[in-house]
Structure formats: structure tokens, C-alpha cells
N, C-alpha and C. Protein backbone atom coordinates (compact mmCIF):
# COMPACT_ATOMS: atom_id res chain seq x y z
N MET A 1 95.17 112.41 97.42
CA MET A 1 95.48 111.16 96.76
C MET A 1 94.23 110.28 96.74
N SER A 2 94.06 109.58 95.65
CA SER A 2 92.94 108.65 95.52
C SER A 2 93.23 107.37 96.28
N PRO A 3 92.20 106.68 96.76
CA PRO A 3 92.42 105.41 97.45
C PRO A 3 92.97 104.35 96.48
N PHE A 4 93.75 103.43 97.02
CA PHE A 4 94.31 102.35 96.21
C PHE A 4 94.51 101.13 97.10
N GLU A 5 94.58 99.98 96.46
CA GLU A 5 94.87 98.73 97.15
C GLU A 5 96.39 98.61 97.27
N LEU A 6 96.87 98.07 98.39
CA LEU A 6 98.30 97.84 98.58
C LEU A 6 98.53 96.34 98.74
N ALA A 7 99.29 95.77 97.82
CA ALA A 7 99.65 94.35 97.91
C ALA A 7 101.10 94.27 98.34
N GLU A 8 101.42 93.32 99.24
CA GLU A 8 102.78 93.17 99.75
C GLU A 8 103.25 91.73 99.62
N PRO A 9 103.59 91.32 98.39
CA PRO A 9 104.05 89.94 98.17
C PRO A 9 105.40 89.69 98.85
N SER A 10 105.65 88.42 99.16
CA SER A 10 106.91 88.07 99.81
C SER A 10 107.90 87.43 98.84
N SER A 11 107.49 87.22 97.60
CA SER A 11 108.41 86.64 96.62
C SER A 11 108.32 87.43 95.32
N LEU A 12 109.40 87.35 94.56
CA LEU A 12 109.43 88.02 93.27
C LEU A 12 108.41 87.43 92.32
N SER A 13 108.24 86.12 92.34
CA SER A 13 107.28 85.49 91.44
C SER A 13 105.84 85.93 91.78
N GLU A 14 105.54 86.09 93.04
CA GLU A 14 104.21 86.57 93.44
C GLU A 14 104.02 88.02 92.99
N ALA A 15 105.05 88.84 93.12
CA ALA A 15 104.97 90.24 92.67
C ALA A 15 104.76 90.32 91.17
N VAL A 16 105.50 89.51 90.42
CA VAL A 16 105.36 89.49 88.96
C VAL A 16 103.95 89.08 88.56
N ALA A 17 103.40 88.09 89.25
CA ALA A 17 102.03 87.64 88.95
C ALA A 17 101.02 88.77 89.22
N LEU A 18 101.17 89.46 90.34
CA LEU A 18 100.25 90.56 90.66
C LEU A 18 100.36 91.69 89.64
N LEU A 19 101.57 92.00 89.23
CA LEU A 19 101.76 93.07 88.26
C LEU A 19 101.26 92.67 86.87
N GLY A 20 101.27 91.38 86.59
CA GLY A 20 100.78 90.88 85.31
C GLY A 20 99.27 90.94 85.17
N GLN A 21 98.57 91.18 86.28
CA GLN A 21 97.11 91.24 86.26
C GLN A 21 96.59 92.58 85.74
N GLY A 22 97.46 93.57 85.61
CA GLY A 22 97.05 94.88 85.13
C GLY A 22 96.48 95.74 86.25
N GLY A 23 96.47 97.03 86.01
CA GLY A 23 95.92 97.98 86.98
C GLY A 23 96.81 98.24 88.17
N GLY A 24 97.99 97.67 88.18
CA GLY A 24 98.88 97.85 89.32
C GLY A 24 100.19 98.46 88.94
N ARG A 25 100.87 98.98 89.92
CA ARG A 25 102.18 99.60 89.72
C ARG A 25 103.10 99.14 90.83
N ALA A 26 104.31 98.77 90.48
CA ALA A 26 105.30 98.38 91.48
C ALA A 26 105.77 99.61 92.23
N ILE A 27 106.04 99.40 93.52
CA ILE A 27 106.62 100.47 94.32
C ILE A 27 107.69 99.86 95.21
N ALA A 28 108.84 100.50 95.23
CA ALA A 28 109.95 100.04 96.08
C ALA A 28 110.26 101.18 97.03
N GLY A 29 111.15 102.10 96.63
CA GLY A 29 111.43 103.26 97.46
C GLY A 29 110.28 104.26 97.41
N GLY A 30 109.70 104.41 96.23
CA GLY A 30 108.53 105.28 96.06
C GLY A 30 108.84 106.76 96.01
N THR A 31 110.12 107.12 95.90
CA THR A 31 110.47 108.54 95.96
C THR A 31 109.82 109.36 94.85
N ALA A 32 109.80 108.86 93.64
CA ALA A 32 109.19 109.59 92.52
C ALA A 32 107.70 109.30 92.42
N LEU A 33 107.33 108.04 92.60
CA LEU A 33 105.93 107.64 92.45
C LEU A 33 105.01 108.36 93.44
N MET A 34 105.44 108.47 94.68
CA MET A 34 104.58 109.14 95.68
C MET A 34 104.38 110.61 95.34
N LEU A 35 105.40 111.27 94.81
CA LEU A 35 105.24 112.66 94.39
C LEU A 35 104.22 112.77 93.26
N MET A 36 104.29 111.83 92.31
CA MET A 36 103.34 111.83 91.20
C MET A 36 101.92 111.58 91.69
N MET A 37 101.77 110.70 92.66
CA MET A 37 100.44 110.41 93.21
C MET A 37 99.89 111.60 93.99
N LYS A 38 100.74 112.24 94.79
CA LYS A 38 100.30 113.41 95.56
C LYS A 38 99.89 114.55 94.65
N ALA A 39 100.55 114.69 93.51
CA ALA A 39 100.21 115.74 92.55
C ALA A 39 99.01 115.37 91.68
N GLY A 40 98.53 114.15 91.80
CA GLY A 40 97.38 113.71 91.00
C GLY A 40 97.75 113.31 89.58
N VAL A 41 99.04 113.24 89.27
CA VAL A 41 99.49 112.88 87.93
C VAL A 41 99.26 111.39 87.68
N TYR A 42 99.38 110.60 88.72
CA TYR A 42 99.20 109.16 88.59
C TYR A 42 98.28 108.68 89.70
N GLN A 43 97.24 107.91 89.33
CA GLN A 43 96.27 107.40 90.30
C GLN A 43 96.10 105.90 90.10
N PRO A 44 96.96 105.10 90.72
CA PRO A 44 96.89 103.66 90.53
C PRO A 44 95.70 103.03 91.27
N GLU A 45 95.25 101.91 90.73
CA GLU A 45 94.22 101.12 91.42
C GLU A 45 94.88 100.28 92.51
N ARG A 46 96.12 99.84 92.22
CA ARG A 46 96.83 98.97 93.15
C ARG A 46 98.32 99.28 93.10
N LEU A 47 98.94 99.30 94.27
CA LEU A 47 100.39 99.36 94.36
C LEU A 47 100.88 98.01 94.85
N VAL A 48 101.91 97.51 94.21
CA VAL A 48 102.52 96.24 94.59
C VAL A 48 103.87 96.57 95.21
N SER A 49 103.91 96.51 96.54
CA SER A 49 105.14 96.83 97.26
C SER A 49 106.16 95.71 97.06
N LEU A 50 107.37 96.10 96.72
CA LEU A 50 108.44 95.13 96.52
C LEU A 50 109.36 95.02 97.74
N ARG A 51 109.03 95.71 98.81
CA ARG A 51 109.88 95.77 100.00
C ARG A 51 110.09 94.42 100.68
N ARG A 52 109.16 93.50 100.55
CA ARG A 52 109.27 92.23 101.27
C ARG A 52 109.73 91.06 100.40
N VAL A 53 110.10 91.34 99.16
CA VAL A 53 110.57 90.25 98.29
C VAL A 53 111.92 89.75 98.78
N GLU A 54 112.34 88.61 98.25
CA GLU A 54 113.57 87.96 98.70
C GLU A 54 114.75 88.92 98.78
N ALA A 55 115.62 88.70 99.77
CA ALA A 55 116.80 89.53 99.99
C ALA A 55 117.74 89.52 98.78
N ARG A 56 117.73 88.44 98.01
CA ARG A 56 118.63 88.36 96.85
C ARG A 56 118.36 89.49 95.85
N CYS A 57 117.17 90.06 95.89
CA CYS A 57 116.83 91.15 94.97
C CYS A 57 117.53 92.45 95.33
N SER A 58 118.17 92.49 96.51
CA SER A 58 118.90 93.68 96.96
C SER A 58 120.40 93.50 96.95
N GLU A 59 120.86 92.32 96.54
CA GLU A 59 122.29 92.01 96.62
C GLU A 59 123.11 92.78 95.59
N ILE A 60 124.32 93.12 96.01
CA ILE A 60 125.32 93.72 95.13
C ILE A 60 126.53 92.80 95.23
N SER A 61 126.95 92.24 94.10
CA SER A 61 128.06 91.28 94.16
C SER A 61 128.92 91.34 92.90
N ALA A 62 130.15 90.85 93.06
CA ALA A 62 131.06 90.75 91.92
C ALA A 62 130.71 89.49 91.14
N THR A 63 130.92 89.53 89.84
CA THR A 63 130.69 88.36 89.00
C THR A 63 132.03 87.69 88.72
N PRO A 64 132.02 86.42 88.36
CA PRO A 64 133.28 85.71 88.10
C PRO A 64 134.15 86.35 87.01
N ASP A 65 133.52 87.07 86.08
CA ASP A 65 134.29 87.70 84.99
C ASP A 65 134.79 89.10 85.35
N GLY A 66 134.68 89.49 86.63
CA GLY A 66 135.17 90.80 87.07
C GLY A 66 134.14 91.90 86.97
N GLY A 67 132.91 91.55 86.64
CA GLY A 67 131.85 92.54 86.53
C GLY A 67 131.13 92.76 87.85
N LEU A 68 129.97 93.33 87.76
CA LEU A 68 129.19 93.71 88.93
C LEU A 68 127.73 93.36 88.69
N ARG A 69 127.09 92.73 89.66
CA ARG A 69 125.66 92.40 89.60
C ARG A 69 124.98 93.21 90.69
N ILE A 70 123.97 93.97 90.30
CA ILE A 70 123.27 94.85 91.23
C ILE A 70 121.78 94.51 91.23
N GLY A 71 121.27 94.04 92.36
CA GLY A 71 119.84 93.74 92.47
C GLY A 71 119.02 95.01 92.37
N ALA A 72 117.88 94.93 91.73
CA ALA A 72 117.03 96.10 91.51
C ALA A 72 116.55 96.73 92.81
N MET A 73 116.46 95.95 93.88
CA MET A 73 115.99 96.48 95.16
C MET A 73 117.12 97.08 96.00
N ALA A 74 118.35 97.04 95.51
CA ALA A 74 119.46 97.69 96.23
C ALA A 74 119.19 99.18 96.26
N THR A 75 119.37 99.79 97.41
CA THR A 75 119.16 101.24 97.50
C THR A 75 120.36 101.97 96.91
N LEU A 76 120.14 103.22 96.55
CA LEU A 76 121.24 104.03 96.04
C LEU A 76 122.31 104.20 97.12
N ARG A 77 121.89 104.22 98.37
CA ARG A 77 122.86 104.32 99.48
C ARG A 77 123.72 103.06 99.56
N ALA A 78 123.10 101.89 99.41
CA ALA A 78 123.87 100.64 99.42
C ALA A 78 124.87 100.64 98.28
N LEU A 79 124.47 101.14 97.13
CA LEU A 79 125.37 101.23 95.98
C LEU A 79 126.54 102.18 96.28
N GLU A 80 126.21 103.29 96.91
CA GLU A 80 127.22 104.29 97.27
C GLU A 80 128.27 103.73 98.23
N HIS A 81 127.86 102.90 99.16
CA HIS A 81 128.75 102.42 100.22
C HIS A 81 129.28 101.01 100.01
N SER A 82 128.96 100.40 98.91
CA SER A 82 129.40 99.02 98.67
C SER A 82 130.89 98.95 98.34
N PRO A 83 131.66 98.15 99.10
CA PRO A 83 133.08 97.98 98.76
C PRO A 83 133.27 97.28 97.41
N VAL A 84 132.33 96.43 97.05
CA VAL A 84 132.40 95.73 95.75
C VAL A 84 132.27 96.74 94.62
N VAL A 85 131.35 97.68 94.74
CA VAL A 85 131.18 98.72 93.73
C VAL A 85 132.42 99.61 93.69
N GLN A 86 132.94 99.97 94.85
CA GLN A 86 134.13 100.82 94.90
C GLN A 86 135.30 100.18 94.17
N ARG A 87 135.47 98.86 94.33
CA ARG A 87 136.58 98.16 93.66
C ARG A 87 136.32 97.97 92.16
N THR A 88 135.09 97.63 91.81
CA THR A 88 134.76 97.25 90.44
C THR A 88 134.46 98.44 89.53
N ALA A 89 133.71 99.39 90.04
CA ALA A 89 133.28 100.54 89.22
C ALA A 89 133.24 101.80 90.10
N PRO A 90 134.40 102.33 90.49
CA PRO A 90 134.42 103.47 91.41
C PRO A 90 133.68 104.71 90.90
N VAL A 91 133.49 104.83 89.60
CA VAL A 91 132.74 105.97 89.09
C VAL A 91 131.29 105.95 89.60
N ILE A 92 130.75 104.77 89.84
CA ILE A 92 129.39 104.68 90.39
C ILE A 92 129.39 105.23 91.82
N THR A 93 130.38 104.86 92.62
CA THR A 93 130.47 105.36 93.99
C THR A 93 130.55 106.88 93.99
N GLN A 94 131.36 107.45 93.12
CA GLN A 94 131.50 108.90 93.04
C GLN A 94 130.18 109.55 92.63
N THR A 95 129.49 108.96 91.68
CA THR A 95 128.22 109.50 91.20
C THR A 95 127.18 109.50 92.30
N MET A 96 127.12 108.42 93.08
CA MET A 96 126.11 108.32 94.13
C MET A 96 126.25 109.42 95.17
N LYS A 97 127.45 109.91 95.40
CA LYS A 97 127.67 110.96 96.40
C LYS A 97 127.03 112.28 96.02
N THR A 98 126.73 112.46 94.74
CA THR A 98 126.12 113.71 94.29
C THR A 98 124.69 113.52 93.81
N LEU A 99 124.19 112.30 93.85
CA LEU A 99 122.85 112.00 93.36
C LEU A 99 121.82 112.21 94.46
N ALA A 100 120.90 113.11 94.25
CA ALA A 100 119.82 113.39 95.18
C ALA A 100 120.38 113.75 96.56
N ASN A 101 119.55 113.61 97.57
CA ASN A 101 120.02 113.87 98.93
C ASN A 101 120.05 112.56 99.71
N VAL A 102 120.61 112.60 100.90
CA VAL A 102 120.79 111.38 101.69
C VAL A 102 119.46 110.68 101.95
N ARG A 103 118.42 111.44 102.27
CA ARG A 103 117.12 110.81 102.55
C ARG A 103 116.61 110.04 101.34
N VAL A 104 116.75 110.60 100.16
CA VAL A 104 116.32 109.91 98.94
C VAL A 104 117.19 108.69 98.69
N ARG A 105 118.51 108.84 98.81
CA ARG A 105 119.41 107.71 98.59
C ARG A 105 119.16 106.57 99.56
N ASN A 106 118.65 106.87 100.74
CA ASN A 106 118.36 105.83 101.72
C ASN A 106 117.21 104.93 101.30
N VAL A 107 116.29 105.42 100.49
CA VAL A 107 115.11 104.62 100.13
C VAL A 107 114.99 104.34 98.63
N ALA A 108 115.51 105.22 97.79
CA ALA A 108 115.40 105.02 96.34
C ALA A 108 116.18 103.78 95.93
N THR A 109 115.63 103.01 95.00
CA THR A 109 116.27 101.78 94.57
C THR A 109 116.85 101.92 93.16
N VAL A 110 117.79 101.06 92.87
CA VAL A 110 118.42 101.05 91.54
C VAL A 110 117.37 100.75 90.48
N GLY A 111 116.53 99.74 90.72
CA GLY A 111 115.50 99.39 89.74
C GLY A 111 114.53 100.53 89.50
N GLY A 112 114.12 101.20 90.55
CA GLY A 112 113.21 102.33 90.42
C GLY A 112 113.85 103.49 89.68
N ALA A 113 115.11 103.77 90.01
CA ALA A 113 115.83 104.86 89.36
C ALA A 113 115.95 104.62 87.85
N LEU A 114 116.14 103.36 87.47
CA LEU A 114 116.25 103.04 86.05
C LEU A 114 114.88 102.98 85.37
N ALA A 115 113.92 102.37 86.02
CA ALA A 115 112.60 102.18 85.41
C ALA A 115 111.78 103.45 85.31
N HIS A 116 112.09 104.44 86.12
CA HIS A 116 111.32 105.68 86.13
C HIS A 116 111.48 106.46 84.82
N GLY A 117 112.63 106.32 84.18
CA GLY A 117 112.84 106.98 82.89
C GLY A 117 113.06 108.48 82.99
N ASP A 118 113.49 108.96 84.15
CA ASP A 118 113.72 110.38 84.34
C ASP A 118 115.05 110.78 83.71
N PRO A 119 115.03 111.67 82.74
CA PRO A 119 116.26 112.06 82.06
C PRO A 119 117.20 112.89 82.93
N HIS A 120 116.75 113.31 84.10
CA HIS A 120 117.58 114.11 84.99
C HIS A 120 118.38 113.26 85.97
N MET A 121 118.17 111.98 85.98
CA MET A 121 118.90 111.09 86.89
C MET A 121 120.33 110.89 86.42
N ASP A 122 121.26 110.78 87.34
CA ASP A 122 122.67 110.57 87.00
C ASP A 122 123.02 109.12 86.75
N LEU A 123 122.32 108.20 87.39
CA LEU A 123 122.68 106.78 87.29
C LEU A 123 122.55 106.21 85.88
N PRO A 124 121.48 106.44 85.14
CA PRO A 124 121.39 105.85 83.80
C PRO A 124 122.53 106.22 82.86
N PRO A 125 122.96 107.49 82.77
CA PRO A 125 124.09 107.78 81.87
C PRO A 125 125.39 107.10 82.29
N VAL A 126 125.61 107.00 83.61
CA VAL A 126 126.83 106.34 84.08
C VAL A 126 126.81 104.86 83.71
N LEU A 127 125.67 104.21 83.95
CA LEU A 127 125.56 102.79 83.61
C LEU A 127 125.65 102.59 82.09
N THR A 128 125.09 103.51 81.33
CA THR A 128 125.20 103.43 79.87
C THR A 128 126.66 103.52 79.45
N ALA A 129 127.40 104.47 80.01
CA ALA A 129 128.81 104.64 79.67
C ALA A 129 129.63 103.40 80.03
N LEU A 130 129.21 102.69 81.07
CA LEU A 130 129.91 101.47 81.49
C LEU A 130 129.47 100.24 80.70
N GLY A 131 128.51 100.42 79.79
CA GLY A 131 128.03 99.30 78.99
C GLY A 131 127.13 98.34 79.77
N ALA A 132 126.47 98.84 80.78
CA ALA A 132 125.62 98.00 81.63
C ALA A 132 124.39 97.49 80.89
N GLN A 133 123.88 96.39 81.40
CA GLN A 133 122.64 95.80 80.90
C GLN A 133 121.71 95.56 82.07
N VAL A 134 120.40 95.51 81.78
CA VAL A 134 119.43 95.12 82.80
C VAL A 134 118.80 93.80 82.40
N LYS A 135 118.50 93.01 83.40
CA LYS A 135 117.73 91.79 83.17
C LYS A 135 116.34 92.10 83.70
N THR A 136 115.34 91.93 82.85
CA THR A 136 113.97 92.21 83.26
C THR A 136 113.24 90.92 83.57
N VAL A 137 112.17 91.04 84.35
CA VAL A 137 111.34 89.89 84.69
C VAL A 137 109.88 90.25 84.45
N SER A 138 109.13 89.27 83.98
CA SER A 138 107.69 89.45 83.78
C SER A 138 107.05 88.07 83.80
N ALA A 139 105.74 88.03 83.70
CA ALA A 139 105.03 86.75 83.65
C ALA A 139 105.44 85.96 82.40
N GLN A 140 105.94 86.64 81.37
CA GLN A 140 106.37 85.98 80.14
C GLN A 140 107.81 85.47 80.22
N GLY A 141 108.54 85.82 81.28
CA GLY A 141 109.91 85.35 81.44
C GLY A 141 110.88 86.51 81.64
N GLU A 142 112.13 86.27 81.27
CA GLU A 142 113.19 87.27 81.44
C GLU A 142 113.74 87.69 80.08
N ARG A 143 114.32 88.88 80.06
CA ARG A 143 115.08 89.31 78.88
C ARG A 143 116.18 90.24 79.34
N THR A 144 117.20 90.36 78.52
CA THR A 144 118.33 91.24 78.81
C THR A 144 118.31 92.39 77.82
N LEU A 145 118.54 93.57 78.33
CA LEU A 145 118.44 94.79 77.54
C LEU A 145 119.58 95.73 77.93
N PRO A 146 120.34 96.25 76.98
CA PRO A 146 121.37 97.25 77.33
C PRO A 146 120.69 98.49 77.93
N VAL A 147 121.30 99.08 78.94
CA VAL A 147 120.74 100.31 79.52
C VAL A 147 120.60 101.38 78.44
N SER A 148 121.50 101.38 77.48
CA SER A 148 121.44 102.36 76.39
C SER A 148 120.16 102.24 75.55
N GLU A 149 119.50 101.09 75.60
CA GLU A 149 118.25 100.89 74.84
C GLU A 149 117.01 100.92 75.73
N LEU A 150 117.20 101.16 77.02
CA LEU A 150 116.08 101.15 77.96
C LEU A 150 115.16 102.36 77.78
N TYR A 151 115.73 103.50 77.41
CA TYR A 151 114.95 104.73 77.34
C TYR A 151 114.48 105.02 75.93
N THR A 152 113.17 105.28 75.81
CA THR A 152 112.59 105.55 74.49
C THR A 152 112.08 106.98 74.37
N GLY A 153 112.04 107.70 75.47
CA GLY A 153 111.55 109.08 75.46
C GLY A 153 111.57 109.64 76.87
N TYR A 154 111.03 110.82 77.00
CA TYR A 154 110.96 111.51 78.28
C TYR A 154 110.03 110.75 79.22
N TYR A 155 110.56 110.18 80.29
CA TYR A 155 109.82 109.34 81.23
C TYR A 155 109.22 108.10 80.56
N GLU A 156 109.82 107.65 79.48
CA GLU A 156 109.34 106.47 78.77
C GLU A 156 110.48 105.46 78.64
N THR A 157 110.13 104.20 78.84
CA THR A 157 111.13 103.13 78.72
C THR A 157 110.62 102.04 77.79
N ALA A 158 111.51 101.12 77.48
CA ALA A 158 111.17 99.98 76.63
C ALA A 158 110.56 98.84 77.44
N LEU A 159 110.28 99.06 78.72
CA LEU A 159 109.66 98.02 79.54
C LEU A 159 108.22 97.79 79.10
N ALA A 160 107.84 96.54 78.93
CA ALA A 160 106.47 96.18 78.56
C ALA A 160 105.58 96.23 79.80
N ASP A 161 104.27 96.24 79.60
CA ASP A 161 103.35 96.18 80.73
C ASP A 161 103.64 94.95 81.56
N GLY A 162 103.72 95.13 82.87
CA GLY A 162 103.98 94.01 83.77
C GLY A 162 105.44 93.60 83.85
N GLU A 163 106.30 94.25 83.09
CA GLU A 163 107.73 93.91 83.09
C GLU A 163 108.48 94.84 84.05
N ARG A 164 109.35 94.26 84.85
CA ARG A 164 110.12 95.03 85.83
C ARG A 164 111.60 94.71 85.72
N ILE A 165 112.42 95.62 86.16
CA ILE A 165 113.87 95.38 86.18
C ILE A 165 114.17 94.47 87.36
N GLY A 166 114.90 93.40 87.10
CA GLY A 166 115.27 92.46 88.15
C GLY A 166 116.66 92.73 88.69
N ARG A 167 117.58 93.10 87.79
CA ARG A 167 118.95 93.41 88.22
C ARG A 167 119.69 94.09 87.07
N ALA A 168 120.81 94.68 87.43
CA ALA A 168 121.68 95.30 86.44
C ALA A 168 123.03 94.58 86.47
N HIS A 169 123.69 94.54 85.32
CA HIS A 169 125.03 93.94 85.20
C HIS A 169 125.95 94.99 84.58
N VAL A 170 127.08 95.21 85.23
CA VAL A 170 128.07 96.15 84.72
C VAL A 170 129.30 95.35 84.35
């Protein structure tokens, strides 16, 4: 692996600013990104760790209209074991039990799973079928995008440079 700078911001706004400078890549669970780096497929100048950002970025909660709000930093394991998810969208709970292995689910995040653009992941089709949307964040502000419009190709998404998934709504 090539050397890289590691930034560890403590707020989402600080992370967005660092990612807006270019040459950097966000890392949360890092399950896919680290494999790409070890294989030499991706060699970032800087990684911006999202592990220390506000706890609200990991929250899973019910919305007043009976929906579900999932923070991008929520792990797949948290999604699998959330009573709110079980009540609101039990198909997600069932899907998580067969997605990857326990070690991956313990660290992989919802935002990373969606932003990676891997067509082999189970979560994006389930969220698409549920009509889910993502709210993205960047230095330019926020936007809402249906999960069905997030993917533009194999490992390609509609996310702009410096834009990250902030949360999903089901």
C-alpha cells in the first residue's frame, strides 16, 4: 500500500470541508476500500476517517410519518439488530442476516454500502424496492436523491466529487 495522510475530523462539517479540498476519500468501515488499496486499485493521497463524527450520524430512528431514518454511519449490524427497523421495515432485518459475514457487518456502514456502488450488495436493491431516498452532504449543501437514481454504472454513483451520503430515509 502507498503512504497516505489520515485525517480524523470530529464533526461532519469538518469532514465535508476536508473532502471538498480534493485528493481525499472518506473512510468509515473501510471494508471495501481497504481491499482496493491493498490490491493497488486505489491509492489515495488522504483518507478522511468518519469514525469520530457526531453520534447523530449513526442514529436509526422512526420518523413522525411512520418511516425510518438511518444515519450513514450506522453499521450493518446496528441495522440488523435495531428494533425500530424490525417494526418499520422487517425486510431490511431479514436481508442483513444474509449480507456478508458478521465481521463485515460489525464495521461496514450503511453510507459506505450505498456509496460504494457495488452491484453485488443486497442493501441497495432492498432500499430501492422500499422507495428509499438518500440525503447527501457536501460543501455546496444537501440534496435528496432516490436510491433508485444513485447508481449510474458498475461501481459508479451519481455522487459528485466531495459529496457523501448523510442518511437514508425509508
